[in-house]
PDB file of N, CA and C in Angstrom:
ATOM      1  N   MET A   1     112.951  82.096  71.269  1.00  0.00           N
ATOM      2  CA  MET A   1     113.298  83.388  71.866  1.00  0.00           C
ATOM      3  C   MET A   1     114.811  83.604  71.795  1.00  0.00           C
ATOM      4  N   GLN A   2     115.220  84.895  71.734  1.00  0.00           N
ATOM      5  CA  GLN A   2     116.640  85.207  71.653  1.00  0.00           C
ATOM      6  C   GLN A   2     117.354  84.843  72.947  1.00  0.00           C
ATOM      7  N   GLN A   3     118.614  85.215  73.010  1.00  0.00           N
ATOM      8  CA  GLN A   3     119.432  84.929  74.188  1.00  0.00           C
ATOM      9  C   GLN A   3     118.810  85.524  75.445  1.00  0.00           C
ATOM     10  N   SER A   4     118.717  86.841  75.496  1.00  0.00           N
ATOM     11  CA  SER A   4     118.150  87.521  76.654  1.00  0.00           C
ATOM     12  C   SER A   4     117.592  88.862  76.214  1.00  0.00           C
ATOM     13  N   ILE A   5     116.445  89.240  76.773  1.00  0.00           N
ATOM     14  CA  ILE A   5     115.830  90.521  76.439  1.00  0.00           C
ATOM     15  C   ILE A   5     116.183  91.509  77.542  1.00  0.00           C
ATOM     16  N   ASN A   6     116.597  92.702  77.136  1.00  0.00           N
ATOM     17  CA  ASN A   6     117.046  93.726  78.074  1.00  0.00           C
ATOM     18  C   ASN A   6     116.217  94.984  77.856  1.00  0.00           C
ATOM     19  N   VAL A   7     115.415  95.379  78.866  1.00  0.00           N
ATOM     20  CA  VAL A   7     114.597  96.588  78.768  1.00  0.00           C
ATOM     21  C   VAL A   7     114.682  97.391  80.071  1.00  0.00           C
ATOM     22  N   ILE A   8     114.208  98.636  80.010  1.00  0.00           N
ATOM     23  CA  ILE A   8     114.235  99.523  81.174  1.00  0.00           C
ATOM     24  C   ILE A   8     112.816  99.994  81.485  1.00  0.00           C
ATOM     25  N   GLY A   9     112.477 100.008  82.768  1.00  0.00           N
ATOM     26  CA  GLY A   9     111.214 100.565  83.228  1.00  0.00           C
ATOM     27  C   GLY A   9     111.492 101.648  84.245  1.00  0.00           C
ATOM     28  N   ARG A  10     110.695 102.727  84.211  1.00  0.00           N
ATOM     29  CA  ARG A  10     110.909 103.828  85.142  1.00  0.00           C
ATOM     30  C   ARG A  10     109.601 104.226  85.811  1.00  0.00           C
ATOM     31  N   ARG A  11     109.719 104.724  87.059  1.00  0.00           N
ATOM     32  CA  ARG A  11     108.567 105.243  87.794  1.00  0.00           C
ATOM     33  C   ARG A  11     109.108 106.154  88.892  1.00  0.00           C
ATOM     34  N   LYS A  12     108.615 107.386  88.963  1.00  0.00           N
ATOM     35  CA  LYS A  12     109.125 108.397  89.888  1.00  0.00           C
ATOM     36  C   LYS A  12     110.638 108.523  89.701  1.00  0.00           C
ATOM     37  N   THR A  13     111.446 108.224  90.710  1.00  0.00           N
ATOM     38  CA  THR A  13     112.898 108.305  90.542  1.00  0.00           C
ATOM     39  C   THR A  13     113.527 106.915  90.465  1.00  0.00           C
ATOM     40  N   SER A  14     112.722 105.878  90.317  1.00  0.00           N
ATOM     41  CA  SER A  14     113.234 104.506  90.265  1.00  0.00           C
ATOM     42  C   SER A  14     113.503 104.082  88.825  1.00  0.00           C
ATOM     43  N   VAL A  15     114.567 103.330  88.646  1.00  0.00           N
ATOM     44  CA  VAL A  15     114.915 102.768  87.343  1.00  0.00           C
ATOM     45  C   VAL A  15     115.114 101.271  87.520  1.00  0.00           C
ATOM     46  N   ALA A  16     114.405 100.477  86.717  1.00  0.00           N
ATOM     47  CA  ALA A  16     114.522  99.022  86.784  1.00  0.00           C
ATOM     48  C   ALA A  16     115.053  98.502  85.457  1.00  0.00           C
ATOM     49  N   ARG A  17     116.174  97.784  85.504  1.00  0.00           N
ATOM     50  CA  ARG A  17     116.719  97.134  84.316  1.00  0.00           C
ATOM     51  C   ARG A  17     116.296  95.677  84.357  1.00  0.00           C
ATOM     52  N   ILE A  18     115.581  95.237  83.327  1.00  0.00           N
ATOM     53  CA  ILE A  18     114.997  93.896  83.273  1.00  0.00           C
ATOM     54  C   ILE A  18     115.784  93.043  82.291  1.00  0.00           C
ATOM     55  N   PHE A  19     116.183  91.854  82.726  1.00  0.00           N
ATOM     56  CA  PHE A  19     116.829  90.871  81.863  1.00  0.00           C
ATOM     57  C   PHE A  19     115.934  89.640  81.878  1.00  0.00           C
ATOM     58  N   MET A  20     115.313  89.322  80.736  1.00  0.00           N
ATOM     59  CA  MET A  20     114.344  88.227  80.680  1.00  0.00           C
ATOM     60  C   MET A  20     114.783  87.190  79.656  1.00  0.00           C
ATOM     61  N   LYS A  21     114.701  85.919  80.059  1.00  0.00           N
ATOM     62  CA  LYS A  21     114.991  84.820  79.149  1.00  0.00           C
ATOM     63  C   LYS A  21     114.053  83.670  79.474  1.00  0.00           C
ATOM     64  N   SER A  22     113.896  82.755  78.541  1.00  0.00           N
ATOM     65  CA  SER A  22     112.982  81.643  78.775  1.00  0.00           C
ATOM     66  C   SER A  22     113.527  80.765  79.896  1.00  0.00           C
ATOM     67  N   GLY A  23     112.617  80.276  80.732  1.00  0.00           N
ATOM     68  CA  GLY A  23     113.026  79.491  81.888  1.00  0.00           C
ATOM     69  C   GLY A  23     111.833  78.954  82.653  1.00  0.00           C
ATOM     70  N   SER A  24     111.958  78.927  83.981  1.00  0.00           N
ATOM     71  CA  SER A  24     110.957  78.282  84.815  1.00  0.00           C
ATOM     72  C   SER A  24     110.053  79.264  85.565  1.00  0.00           C
ATOM     73  N   GLY A  25     110.203  80.571  85.358  1.00  0.00           N
ATOM     74  CA  GLY A  25     109.337  81.540  86.009  1.00  0.00           C
ATOM     75  C   GLY A  25     109.911  82.125  87.279  1.00  0.00           C
ATOM     76  N   LYS A  26     111.238  82.069  87.434  1.00  0.00           N
ATOM     77  CA  LYS A  26     111.884  82.604  88.624  1.00  0.00           C
ATOM     78  C   LYS A  26     112.114  84.100  88.451  1.00  0.00           C
ATOM     79  N   ILE A  27     111.720  84.892  89.458  1.00  0.00           N
ATOM     80  CA  ILE A  27     111.918  86.340  89.416  1.00  0.00           C
ATOM     81  C   ILE A  27     112.879  86.725  90.541  1.00  0.00           C
ATOM     82  N   VAL A  28     114.004  87.349  90.160  1.00  0.00           N
ATOM     83  CA  VAL A  28     115.025  87.760  91.129  1.00  0.00           C
ATOM     84  C   VAL A  28     115.204  89.268  91.015  1.00  0.00           C
ATOM     85  N   VAL A  29     115.080  89.971  92.152  1.00  0.00           N
ATOM     86  CA  VAL A  29     115.245  91.421  92.178  1.00  0.00           C
ATOM     87  C   VAL A  29     116.458  91.755  93.049  1.00  0.00           C
ATOM     88  N   ASN A  30     117.458  92.387  92.460  1.00  0.00           N
ATOM     89  CA  ASN A  30     118.706  92.743  93.164  1.00  0.00           C
ATOM     90  C   ASN A  30     119.294  91.537  93.908  1.00  0.00           C
ATOM     91  N   ASP A  31     119.434  90.413  93.216  1.00  0.00           N
ATOM     92  CA  ASP A  31     120.006  89.164  93.754  1.00  0.00           C
ATOM     93  C   ASP A  31     119.250  88.661  94.984  1.00  0.00           C
ATOM     94  N   CYS A  32     117.951  88.851  94.999  1.00  0.00           N
ATOM     95  CA  CYS A  32     117.113  88.454  96.132  1.00  0.00           C
ATOM     96  C   CYS A  32     115.763  88.002  95.556  1.00  0.00           C
ATOM     97  N   PRO A  33     115.148  86.942  96.065  1.00  0.00           N
ATOM     98  CA  PRO A  33     113.831  86.531  95.534  1.00  0.00           C
ATOM     99  C   PRO A  33     112.827  87.677  95.660  1.00  0.00           C
ATOM    100  N   PHE A  34     112.003  87.862  94.624  1.00  0.00           N
ATOM    101  CA  PHE A  34     111.142  89.046  94.627  1.00  0.00           C
ATOM    102  C   PHE A  34     110.073  88.987  95.716  1.00  0.00           C
ATOM    103  N   GLU A  35     109.737  87.792  96.216  1.00  0.00           N
ATOM    104  CA  GLU A  35     108.800  87.684  97.342  1.00  0.00           C
ATOM    105  C   GLU A  35     109.402  88.308  98.596  1.00  0.00           C
ATOM    106  N   GLN A  36     110.718  88.224  98.706  1.00  0.00           N
ATOM    107  CA  GLN A  36     111.418  88.774  99.855  1.00  0.00           C
ATOM    108  C   GLN A  36     111.683  90.273  99.677  1.00  0.00           C
ATOM    109  N   TYR A  37     111.973  90.687  98.445  1.00  0.00           N
ATOM    110  CA  TYR A  37     112.302  92.083  98.167  1.00  0.00           C
ATOM    111  C   TYR A  37     111.069  92.979  98.264  1.00  0.00           C
ATOM    112  N   PHE A  38     109.923  92.493  97.764  1.00  0.00           N
ATOM    113  CA  PHE A  38     108.669  93.234  97.850  1.00  0.00           C
ATOM    114  C   PHE A  38     107.753  92.531  98.852  1.00  0.00           C
ATOM    115  N   PRO A  39     107.767  92.957 100.121  1.00  0.00           N
ATOM    116  CA  PRO A  39     106.973  92.267 101.138  1.00  0.00           C
ATOM    117  C   PRO A  39     105.459  92.438 100.967  1.00  0.00           C
ATOM    118  N   LEU A  40     105.022  93.530 100.319  1.00  0.00           N
ATOM    119  CA  LEU A  40     103.586  93.756 100.150  1.00  0.00           C
ATOM    120  C   LEU A  40     103.015  92.887  99.032  1.00  0.00           C
ATOM    121  N   GLU A  41     101.910  92.234  99.329  1.00  0.00           N
ATOM    122  CA  GLU A  41     101.269  91.347  98.350  1.00  0.00           C
ATOM    123  C   GLU A  41     100.770  92.113  97.127  1.00  0.00           C
ATOM    124  N   THR A  42     100.334  93.361  97.316  1.00  0.00           N
ATOM    125  CA  THR A  42      99.835  94.145  96.183  1.00  0.00           C
ATOM    126  C   THR A  42     100.937  94.390  95.157  1.00  0.00           C
ATOM    127  N   HIS A  43     102.156  94.674  95.626  1.00  0.00           N
ATOM    128  CA  HIS A  43     103.276  94.871  94.704  1.00  0.00           C
ATOM    129  C   HIS A  43     103.586  93.580  93.951  1.00  0.00           C
ATOM    130  N   ARG A  44     103.611  92.461  94.671  1.00  0.00           N
ATOM    131  CA  ARG A  44     103.920  91.170  94.033  1.00  0.00           C
ATOM    132  C   ARG A  44     102.856  90.792  92.999  1.00  0.00           C
ATOM    133  N   ASN A  45     101.588  91.012  93.330  1.00  0.00           N
ATOM    134  CA  ASN A  45     100.515  90.676  92.393  1.00  0.00           C
ATOM    135  C   ASN A  45     100.571  91.539  91.143  1.00  0.00           C
ATOM    136  N   SER A  46     100.869  92.833  91.314  1.00  0.00           N
ATOM    137  CA  SER A  46     100.914  93.716  90.154  1.00  0.00           C
ATOM    138  C   SER A  46     102.122  93.420  89.259  1.00  0.00           C
ATOM    139  N   ILE A  47     103.215  92.920  89.846  1.00  0.00           N
ATOM    140  CA  ILE A  47     104.380  92.553  89.029  1.00  0.00           C
ATOM    141  C   ILE A  47     104.066  91.316  88.190  1.00  0.00           C
ATOM    142  N   THR A  48     103.388  90.332  88.775  1.00  0.00           N
ATOM    143  CA  THR A  48     103.065  89.102  88.040  1.00  0.00           C
ATOM    144  C   THR A  48     101.829  89.257  87.155  1.00  0.00           C
ATOM    145  N   LYS A  49     101.123  90.384  87.270  1.00  0.00           N
ATOM    146  CA  LYS A  49      99.897  90.582  86.485  1.00  0.00           C
ATOM    147  C   LYS A  49     100.168  90.539  84.981  1.00  0.00           C
ATOM    148  N   ALA A  50     101.304  91.102  84.561  1.00  0.00           N
ATOM    149  CA  ALA A  50     101.642  91.105  83.134  1.00  0.00           C
ATOM    150  C   ALA A  50     101.782  89.675  82.610  1.00  0.00           C
ATOM    151  N   PHE A  51     102.367  88.789  83.417  1.00  0.00           N
ATOM    152  CA  PHE A  51     102.502  87.387  83.010  1.00  0.00           C
ATOM    153  C   PHE A  51     101.147  86.690  82.988  1.00  0.00           C
ATOM    154  N   VAL A  52     100.307  86.980  83.977  1.00  0.00           N
ATOM    155  CA  VAL A  52      98.984  86.345  84.060  1.00  0.00           C
ATOM    156  C   VAL A  52      98.117  86.754  82.873  1.00  0.00           C
ATOM    157  N   VAL A  53      98.133  88.050  82.533  1.00  0.00           N
ATOM    158  CA  VAL A  53      97.310  88.576  81.446  1.00  0.00           C
ATOM    159  C   VAL A  53      97.716  87.984  80.102  1.00  0.00           C
ATOM    160  N   THR A  54      99.024  87.762  79.898  1.00  0.00           N
ATOM    161  CA  THR A  54      99.515  87.238  78.611  1.00  0.00           C
ATOM    162  C   THR A  54      99.662  85.714  78.609  1.00  0.00           C
ATOM    163  N   ASP A  55      99.185  85.040  79.651  1.00  0.00           N
ATOM    164  CA  ASP A  55      99.266  83.568  79.770  1.00  0.00           C
ATOM    165  C   ASP A  55     100.702  83.057  79.639  1.00  0.00           C
ATOM    166  N   SER A  56     101.645  83.763  80.239  1.00  0.00           N
ATOM    167  CA  SER A  56     103.045  83.342  80.172  1.00  0.00           C
ATOM    168  C   SER A  56     103.653  83.186  81.561  1.00  0.00           C
ATOM    169  N   LEU A  57     102.811  82.929  82.567  1.00  0.00           N
ATOM    170  CA  LEU A  57     103.299  82.744  83.930  1.00  0.00           C
ATOM    171  C   LEU A  57     104.084  81.445  84.010  1.00  0.00           C
ATOM    172  N   GLY A  58     105.340  81.528  84.485  1.00  0.00           N
ATOM    173  CA  GLY A  58     106.180  80.346  84.601  1.00  0.00           C
ATOM    174  C   GLY A  58     106.950  79.992  83.346  1.00  0.00           C
ATOM    175  N   LYS A  59     106.936  80.866  82.339  1.00  0.00           N
ATOM    176  CA  LYS A  59     107.658  80.578  81.090  1.00  0.00           C
ATOM    177  C   LYS A  59     109.000  81.301  81.002  1.00  0.00           C
ATOM    178  N   TYR A  60     109.157  82.384  81.770  1.00  0.00           N
ATOM    179  CA  TYR A  60     110.352  83.204  81.641  1.00  0.00           C
ATOM    180  C   TYR A  60     111.012  83.436  82.998  1.00  0.00           C
ATOM    181  N   ASP A  61     112.348  83.428  82.994  1.00  0.00           N
ATOM    182  CA  ASP A  61     113.119  83.825  84.167  1.00  0.00           C
ATOM    183  C   ASP A  61     113.425  85.308  84.029  1.00  0.00           C
ATOM    184  N   VAL A  62     113.228  86.049  85.121  1.00  0.00           N
ATOM    185  CA  VAL A  62     113.432  87.491  85.091  1.00  0.00           C
ATOM    186  C   VAL A  62     114.454  87.874  86.153  1.00  0.00           C
ATOM    187  N   LYS A  63     115.476  88.614  85.726  1.00  0.00           N
ATOM    188  CA  LYS A  63     116.468  89.166  86.654  1.00  0.00           C
ATOM    189  C   LYS A  63     116.330  90.674  86.577  1.00  0.00           C
ATOM    190  N   VAL A  64     116.171  91.311  87.734  1.00  0.00           N
ATOM    191  CA  VAL A  64     115.907  92.751  87.791  1.00  0.00           C
ATOM    192  C   VAL A  64     116.980  93.440  88.621  1.00  0.00           C
ATOM    193  N   ASN A  65     117.532  94.521  88.086  1.00  0.00           N
ATOM    194  CA  ASN A  65     118.382  95.432  88.860  1.00  0.00           C
ATOM    195  C   ASN A  65     117.594  96.727  88.994  1.00  0.00           C
ATOM    196  N   VAL A  66     117.206  97.066  90.218  1.00  0.00           N
ATOM    197  CA  VAL A  66     116.396  98.263  90.438  1.00  0.00           C
ATOM    198  C   VAL A  66     117.083  99.154  91.464  1.00  0.00           C
ATOM    199  N   ASP A  67     117.071 100.469  91.203  1.00  0.00           N
ATOM    200  CA  ASP A  67     117.666 101.402  92.158  1.00  0.00           C
ATOM    201  C   ASP A  67     116.924 102.724  92.106  1.00  0.00           C
ATOM    202  N   GLY A  68     117.022 103.484  93.191  1.00  0.00           N
ATOM    203  CA  GLY A  68     116.373 104.782  93.291  1.00  0.00           C
ATOM    204  C   GLY A  68     114.951 104.669  93.802  1.00  0.00           C
ATOM    205  N   GLY A  69     114.509 105.692  94.514  1.00  0.00           N
ATOM    206  CA  GLY A  69     113.129 105.752  94.973  1.00  0.00           C
ATOM    207  C   GLY A  69     112.820 104.795  96.099  1.00  0.00           C
ATOM    208  N   GLY A  70     111.534 104.634  96.374  1.00  0.00           N
ATOM    209  CA  GLY A  70     111.068 103.740  97.425  1.00  0.00           C
ATOM    210  C   GLY A  70     110.489 102.469  96.849  1.00  0.00           C
ATOM    211  N   THR A  71     109.888 101.657  97.697  1.00  0.00           N
ATOM    212  CA  THR A  71     109.388 100.347  97.246  1.00  0.00           C
ATOM    213  C   THR A  71     108.262 100.481  96.238  1.00  0.00           C
ATOM    214  N   SER A  72     107.373 101.447  96.428  1.00  0.00           N
ATOM    215  CA  SER A  72     106.244 101.607  95.509  1.00  0.00           C
ATOM    216  C   SER A  72     106.713 102.048  94.124  1.00  0.00           C
ATOM    217  N   GLY A  73     107.636 103.002  94.082  1.00  0.00           N
ATOM    218  CA  GLY A  73     108.185 103.449  92.810  1.00  0.00           C
ATOM    219  C   GLY A  73     108.976 102.354  92.120  1.00  0.00           C
ATOM    220  N   GLN A  74     109.733 101.578  92.906  1.00  0.00           N
ATOM    221  CA  GLN A  74     110.506 100.478  92.338  1.00  0.00           C
ATOM    222  C   GLN A  74     109.584  99.401  91.771  1.00  0.00           C
ATOM    223  N   ALA A  75     108.493  99.103  92.482  1.00  0.00           N
ATOM    224  CA  ALA A  75     107.533  98.117  91.977  1.00  0.00           C
ATOM    225  C   ALA A  75     106.919  98.600  90.666  1.00  0.00           C
ATOM    226  N   GLY A  76     106.578  99.879  90.592  1.00  0.00           N
ATOM    227  CA  GLY A  76     106.030 100.435  89.355  1.00  0.00           C
ATOM    228  C   GLY A  76     107.005 100.362  88.202  1.00  0.00           C
ATOM    229  N   ALA A  77     108.275 100.588  88.483  1.00  0.00           N
ATOM    230  CA  ALA A  77     109.300 100.493  87.442  1.00  0.00           C
ATOM    231  C   ALA A  77     109.442  99.061  86.942  1.00  0.00           C
ATOM    232  N   VAL A  78     109.391  98.096  87.869  1.00  0.00           N
ATOM    233  CA  VAL A  78     109.500  96.678  87.485  1.00  0.00           C
ATOM    234  C   VAL A  78     108.294  96.263  86.651  1.00  0.00           C
ATOM    235  N   ILE A  79     107.091  96.721  87.019  1.00  0.00           N
ATOM    236  CA  ILE A  79     105.869  96.386  86.280  1.00  0.00           C
ATOM    237  C   ILE A  79     105.992  96.838  84.827  1.00  0.00           C
ATOM    238  N   LEU A  80     106.410  98.098  84.637  1.00  0.00           N
ATOM    239  CA  LEU A  80     106.552  98.633  83.283  1.00  0.00           C
ATOM    240  C   LEU A  80     107.629  97.891  82.505  1.00  0.00           C
ATOM    241  N   GLY A  81     108.746  97.584  83.156  1.00  0.00           N
ATOM    242  CA  GLY A  81     109.827  96.871  82.481  1.00  0.00           C
ATOM    243  C   GLY A  81     109.421  95.475  82.045  1.00  0.00           C
ATOM    244  N   VAL A  82     108.713  94.745  82.894  1.00  0.00           N
ATOM    245  CA  VAL A  82     108.264  93.391  82.554  1.00  0.00           C
ATOM    246  C   VAL A  82     107.283  93.442  81.383  1.00  0.00           C
ATOM    247  N   ALA A  83     106.378  94.422  81.397  1.00  0.00           N
ATOM    248  CA  ALA A  83     105.411  94.565  80.302  1.00  0.00           C
ATOM    249  C   ALA A  83     106.131  94.866  78.982  1.00  0.00           C
ATOM    250  N   ARG A  84     107.129  95.736  79.027  1.00  0.00           N
ATOM    251  CA  ARG A  84     107.892  96.058  77.808  1.00  0.00           C
ATOM    252  C   ARG A  84     108.667  94.845  77.298  1.00  0.00           C
ATOM    253  N   ALA A  85     109.182  94.041  78.228  1.00  0.00           N
ATOM    254  CA  ALA A  85     109.912  92.835  77.831  1.00  0.00           C
ATOM    255  C   ALA A  85     108.979  91.839  77.154  1.00  0.00           C
ATOM    256  N   LEU A  86     107.755  91.700  77.664  1.00  0.00           N
ATOM    257  CA  LEU A  86     106.791  90.782  77.055  1.00  0.00           C
ATOM    258  C   LEU A  86     106.364  91.248  75.664  1.00  0.00           C
ATOM    259  N   VAL A  87     106.351  92.563  75.442  1.00  0.00           N
ATOM    260  CA  VAL A  87     106.052  93.078  74.107  1.00  0.00           C
ATOM    261  C   VAL A  87     107.187  92.734  73.146  1.00  0.00           C
ATOM    262  N   GLU A  88     108.435  92.793  73.631  1.00  0.00           N
ATOM    263  CA  GLU A  88     109.569  92.425  72.779  1.00  0.00           C
ATOM    264  C   GLU A  88     109.559  90.945  72.433  1.00  0.00           C
ATOM    265  N   VAL A  89     109.043  90.120  73.341  1.00  0.00           N
ATOM    266  CA  VAL A  89     108.938  88.686  73.067  1.00  0.00           C
ATOM    267  C   VAL A  89     107.959  88.461  71.928  1.00  0.00           C
ATOM    268  N   SER A  90     106.768  89.047  72.055  1.00  0.00           N
ATOM    269  CA  SER A  90     105.736  88.884  71.024  1.00  0.00           C
ATOM    270  C   SER A  90     104.933  90.165  70.912  1.00  0.00           C
ATOM    271  N   GLU A  91     104.813  90.673  69.708  1.00  0.00           N
ATOM    272  CA  GLU A  91     104.072  91.912  69.464  1.00  0.00           C
ATOM    273  C   GLU A  91     102.573  91.733  69.728  1.00  0.00           C
ATOM    274  N   GLU A  92     102.102  90.482  69.749  1.00  0.00           N
ATOM    275  CA  GLU A  92     100.680  90.203  70.010  1.00  0.00           C
ATOM    276  C   GLU A  92     100.296  90.557  71.445  1.00  0.00           C
ATOM    277  N   ASN A  93     101.276  90.588  72.344  1.00  0.00           N
ATOM    278  CA  ASN A  93     101.004  90.913  73.744  1.00  0.00           C
ATOM    279  C   ASN A  93     100.673  92.388  73.947  1.00  0.00           C
ATOM    280  N   ARG A  94     101.031  93.240  72.984  1.00  0.00           N
ATOM    281  CA  ARG A  94     100.885  94.687  73.153  1.00  0.00           C
ATOM    282  C   ARG A  94      99.437  95.100  73.434  1.00  0.00           C
ATOM    283  N   GLY A  95      98.490  94.592  72.669  1.00  0.00           N
ATOM    284  CA  GLY A  95      97.088  94.985  72.841  1.00  0.00           C
ATOM    285  C   GLY A  95      96.543  94.620  74.208  1.00  0.00           C
ATOM    286  N   VAL A  96      96.848  93.412  74.671  1.00  0.00           N
ATOM    287  CA  VAL A  96      96.352  92.940  75.977  1.00  0.00           C
ATOM    288  C   VAL A  96      96.971  93.761  77.104  1.00  0.00           C
ATOM    289  N   LEU A  97      98.279  94.004  77.019  1.00  0.00           N
ATOM    290  CA  LEU A  97      98.961  94.772  78.064  1.00  0.00           C
ATOM    291  C   LEU A  97      98.498  96.227  78.065  1.00  0.00           C
ATOM    292  N   ARG A  98      98.283  96.797  76.879  1.00  0.00           N
ATOM    293  CA  ARG A  98      97.810  98.179  76.773  1.00  0.00           C
ATOM    294  C   ARG A  98      96.415  98.300  77.382  1.00  0.00           C
ATOM    295  N   LYS A  99      95.553  97.313  77.118  1.00  0.00           N
ATOM    296  CA  LYS A  99      94.183  97.324  77.635  1.00  0.00           C
ATOM    297  C   LYS A  99      94.160  97.295  79.166  1.00  0.00           C
ATOM    298  N   ASN A 100      95.144  96.612  79.774  1.00  0.00           N
ATOM    299  CA  ASN A 100      95.227  96.528  81.225  1.00  0.00           C
ATOM    300  C   ASN A 100      96.043  97.665  81.841  1.00  0.00           C
ATOM    301  N   GLY A 101      96.508  98.600  81.013  1.00  0.00           N
ATOM    302  CA  GLY A 101      97.228  99.768  81.512  1.00  0.00           C
ATOM    303  C   GLY A 101      98.631  99.482  82.010  1.00  0.00           C
ATOM    304  N   LEU A 102      99.258  98.425  81.499  1.00  0.00           N
ATOM    305  CA  LEU A 102     100.591  98.048  81.973  1.00  0.00           C
ATOM    306  C   LEU A 102     101.719  98.643  81.133  1.00  0.00           C
ATOM    307  N   LEU A 103     101.400  99.227  79.986  1.00  0.00           N
ATOM    308  CA  LEU A 103     102.440  99.791  79.122  1.00  0.00           C
ATOM    309  C   LEU A 103     102.553 101.308  79.234  1.00  0.00           C
ATOM    310  N   THR A 104     101.740 101.927  80.080  1.00  0.00           N
ATOM    311  CA  THR A 104     101.751 103.377  80.220  1.00  0.00           C
ATOM    312  C   THR A 104     102.759 103.790  81.278  1.00  0.00           C
ATOM    313  N   ARG A 105     103.678 104.663  80.905  1.00  0.00           N
ATOM    314  CA  ARG A 105     104.677 105.184  81.833  1.00  0.00           C
ATOM    315  C   ARG A 105     103.993 106.260  82.666  1.00  0.00           C
ATOM    316  N   ASP A 106     103.967 106.094  83.985  1.00  0.00           N
ATOM    317  CA  ASP A 106     103.335 107.066  84.864  1.00  0.00           C
ATOM    318  C   ASP A 106     104.226 108.309  84.955  1.00  0.00           C
ATOM    319  N   PRO A 107     103.778 109.453  84.436  1.00  0.00           N
ATOM    320  CA  PRO A 107     104.660 110.624  84.349  1.00  0.00           C
ATOM    321  C   PRO A 107     104.764 111.431  85.640  1.00  0.00           C
ATOM    322  N   ARG A 108     104.003 111.078  86.667  1.00  0.00           N
ATOM    323  CA  ARG A 108     103.979 111.899  87.881  1.00  0.00           C
ATOM    324  C   ARG A 108     105.318 111.848  88.616  1.00  0.00           C
ATOM    325  N   MET A 109     105.845 113.024  88.903  1.00  0.00           N
ATOM    326  CA  MET A 109     107.093 113.151  89.645  1.00  0.00           C
ATOM    327  C   MET A 109     106.852 114.088  90.825  1.00  0.00           C
ATOM    328  N   VAL A 110     107.772 114.090  91.779  1.00  0.00           N
ATOM    329  CA  VAL A 110     107.662 114.985  92.924  1.00  0.00           C
ATOM    330  C   VAL A 110     107.922 116.414  92.461  1.00  0.00           C
ATOM    331  N   GLU A 111     107.019 117.323  92.850  1.00  0.00           N
ATOM    332  CA  GLU A 111     107.174 118.724  92.474  1.00  0.00           C
ATOM    333  C   GLU A 111     108.269 119.365  93.330  1.00  0.00           C
ATOM    334  N   ARG A 112     109.061 120.219  92.731  1.00  0.00           N
ATOM    335  CA  ARG A 112     110.184 120.792  93.457  1.00  0.00           C
ATOM    336  C   ARG A 112     109.721 121.835  94.467  1.00  0.00           C
ATOM    337  N   LYS A 113     110.524 122.003  95.523  1.00  0.00           N
ATOM    338  CA  LYS A 113     110.260 123.009  96.541  1.00  0.00           C
ATOM    339  C   LYS A 113     110.581 124.394  95.974  1.00  0.00           C
ATOM    340  N   LYS A 114     109.707 125.375  96.260  1.00  0.00           N
ATOM    341  CA  LYS A 114     109.933 126.739  95.789  1.00  0.00           C
ATOM    342  C   LYS A 114     110.489 127.601  96.917  1.00  0.00           C
ATOM    343  N   TYR A 115     111.300 128.599  96.554  1.00  0.00           N
ATOM    344  CA  TYR A 115     111.860 129.505  97.558  1.00  0.00           C
ATOM    345  C   TYR A 115     110.742 130.383  98.111  1.00  0.00           C
ATOM    346  N   GLY A 116     110.870 130.776  99.377  1.00  0.00           N
ATOM    347  CA  GLY A 116     109.846 131.596 100.019  1.00  0.00           C
ATOM    348  C   GLY A 116     108.645 130.783 100.459  1.00  0.00           C
ATOM    349  N   GLN A 117     108.731 129.462 100.327  1.00  0.00           N
ATOM    350  CA  GLN A 117     107.648 128.577 100.740  1.00  0.00           C
ATOM    351  C   GLN A 117     108.224 127.445 101.568  1.00  0.00           C
ATOM    352  N   LYS A 118     107.333 126.805 102.348  1.00  0.00           N
ATOM    353  CA  LYS A 118     107.758 125.729 103.217  1.00  0.00           C
ATOM    354  C   LYS A 118     108.038 124.457 102.427  1.00  0.00           C
ATOM    355  N   LYS A 119     107.156 124.163 101.469  1.00  0.00           N
ATOM    356  CA  LYS A 119     107.301 122.980 100.602  1.00  0.00           C
ATOM    357  C   LYS A 119     106.973 123.405  99.178  1.00  0.00           C
ATOM    358  N   ALA A 120     106.564 122.454  98.334  1.00  0.00           N
ATOM    359  CA  ALA A 120     106.277 122.786  96.941  1.00  0.00           C
ATOM    360  C   ALA A 120     105.102 123.754  96.829  1.00  0.00           C
ATOM    361  N   ARG A 121     104.056 123.499  97.601  1.00  0.00           N
ATOM    362  CA  ARG A 121     102.876 124.363  97.530  1.00  0.00           C
ATOM    363  C   ARG A 121     102.509 125.004  98.853  1.00  0.00           C
ATOM    364  N   LYS A 122     102.940 124.422  99.968  1.00  0.00           N
ATOM    365  CA  LYS A 122     102.603 124.953 101.286  1.00  0.00           C
ATOM    366  C   LYS A 122     103.389 126.234 101.545  1.00  0.00           C
ATOM    367  N   ARG A 123     102.680 127.264 102.030  1.00  0.00           N
ATOM    368  CA  ARG A 123     103.336 128.536 102.349  1.00  0.00           C
ATOM    369  C   ARG A 123     103.702 128.584 103.828  1.00  0.00           C
ATOM    370  N   PHE A 124     104.558 129.542 104.174  1.00  0.00           N
ATOM    371  CA  PHE A 124     104.809 129.826 105.581  1.00  0.00           C
ATOM    372  C   PHE A 124     103.555 130.477 106.159  1.00  0.00           C
ATOM    373  N   GLN A 125     103.386 130.382 107.479  1.00  0.00           N
ATOM    374  CA  GLN A 125     102.196 130.956 108.117  1.00  0.00           C
ATOM    375  C   GLN A 125     102.151 132.473 107.905  1.00  0.00           C
ATOM    376  N   PHE A 126     100.985 132.964 107.484  1.00  0.00           N
ATOM    377  CA  PHE A 126     100.815 134.381 107.223  1.00  0.00           C
ATOM    378  C   PHE A 126     100.447 135.110 108.517  1.00  0.00           C
ATOM    379  N   SER A 127     101.106 136.198 108.790  1.00  0.00           N
ATOM    380  CA  SER A 127     100.816 136.984 109.982  1.00  0.00           C
ATOM    381  C   SER A 127     100.430 138.394 109.546  1.00  0.00           C
ATOM    382  N   LYS A 128      99.215 138.810 109.885  1.00  0.00           N
ATOM    383  CA  LYS A 128      98.746 140.127 109.477  1.00  0.00           C
ATOM    384  C   LYS A 128      99.421 141.213 110.317  1.00  0.00           C
ATOM    385  N   ARG A 129      99.629 140.939 111.592  1.00  0.00           N
ATOM    386  CA  ARG A 129     100.258 141.904 112.507  1.00  0.00           C
ATOM    387  C   ARG A 129     101.461 141.301 113.185  1.00  0.00           C
TER     388      ARG A 129
END
């Protein structure tokens, strides 16, 4: 493997920069262990799912810089970034990751608020009289 693989993952307004190199399987998010950064087990399992699916759990050290959005969006950005990094390691991983839906960028964003309305779609209360 090369020196270090550098990829970007995005979800909602979160951006995750992934730096991956061969190592012992340590994952660090914003200079903090990822178990501590993502307290929810579902987020942690989905981040490691890409490694489990490609049989590379414990083979790579991952350093993540993530900013913007909330924890769920940040976890989604990290998932996509890790999957893209594994594809750069070996092109054979692409089919397995694609089959598990880990390489698809989720395009859903928050809809903007419109003028004359309370929120994006909610209207102000209508009064007939």
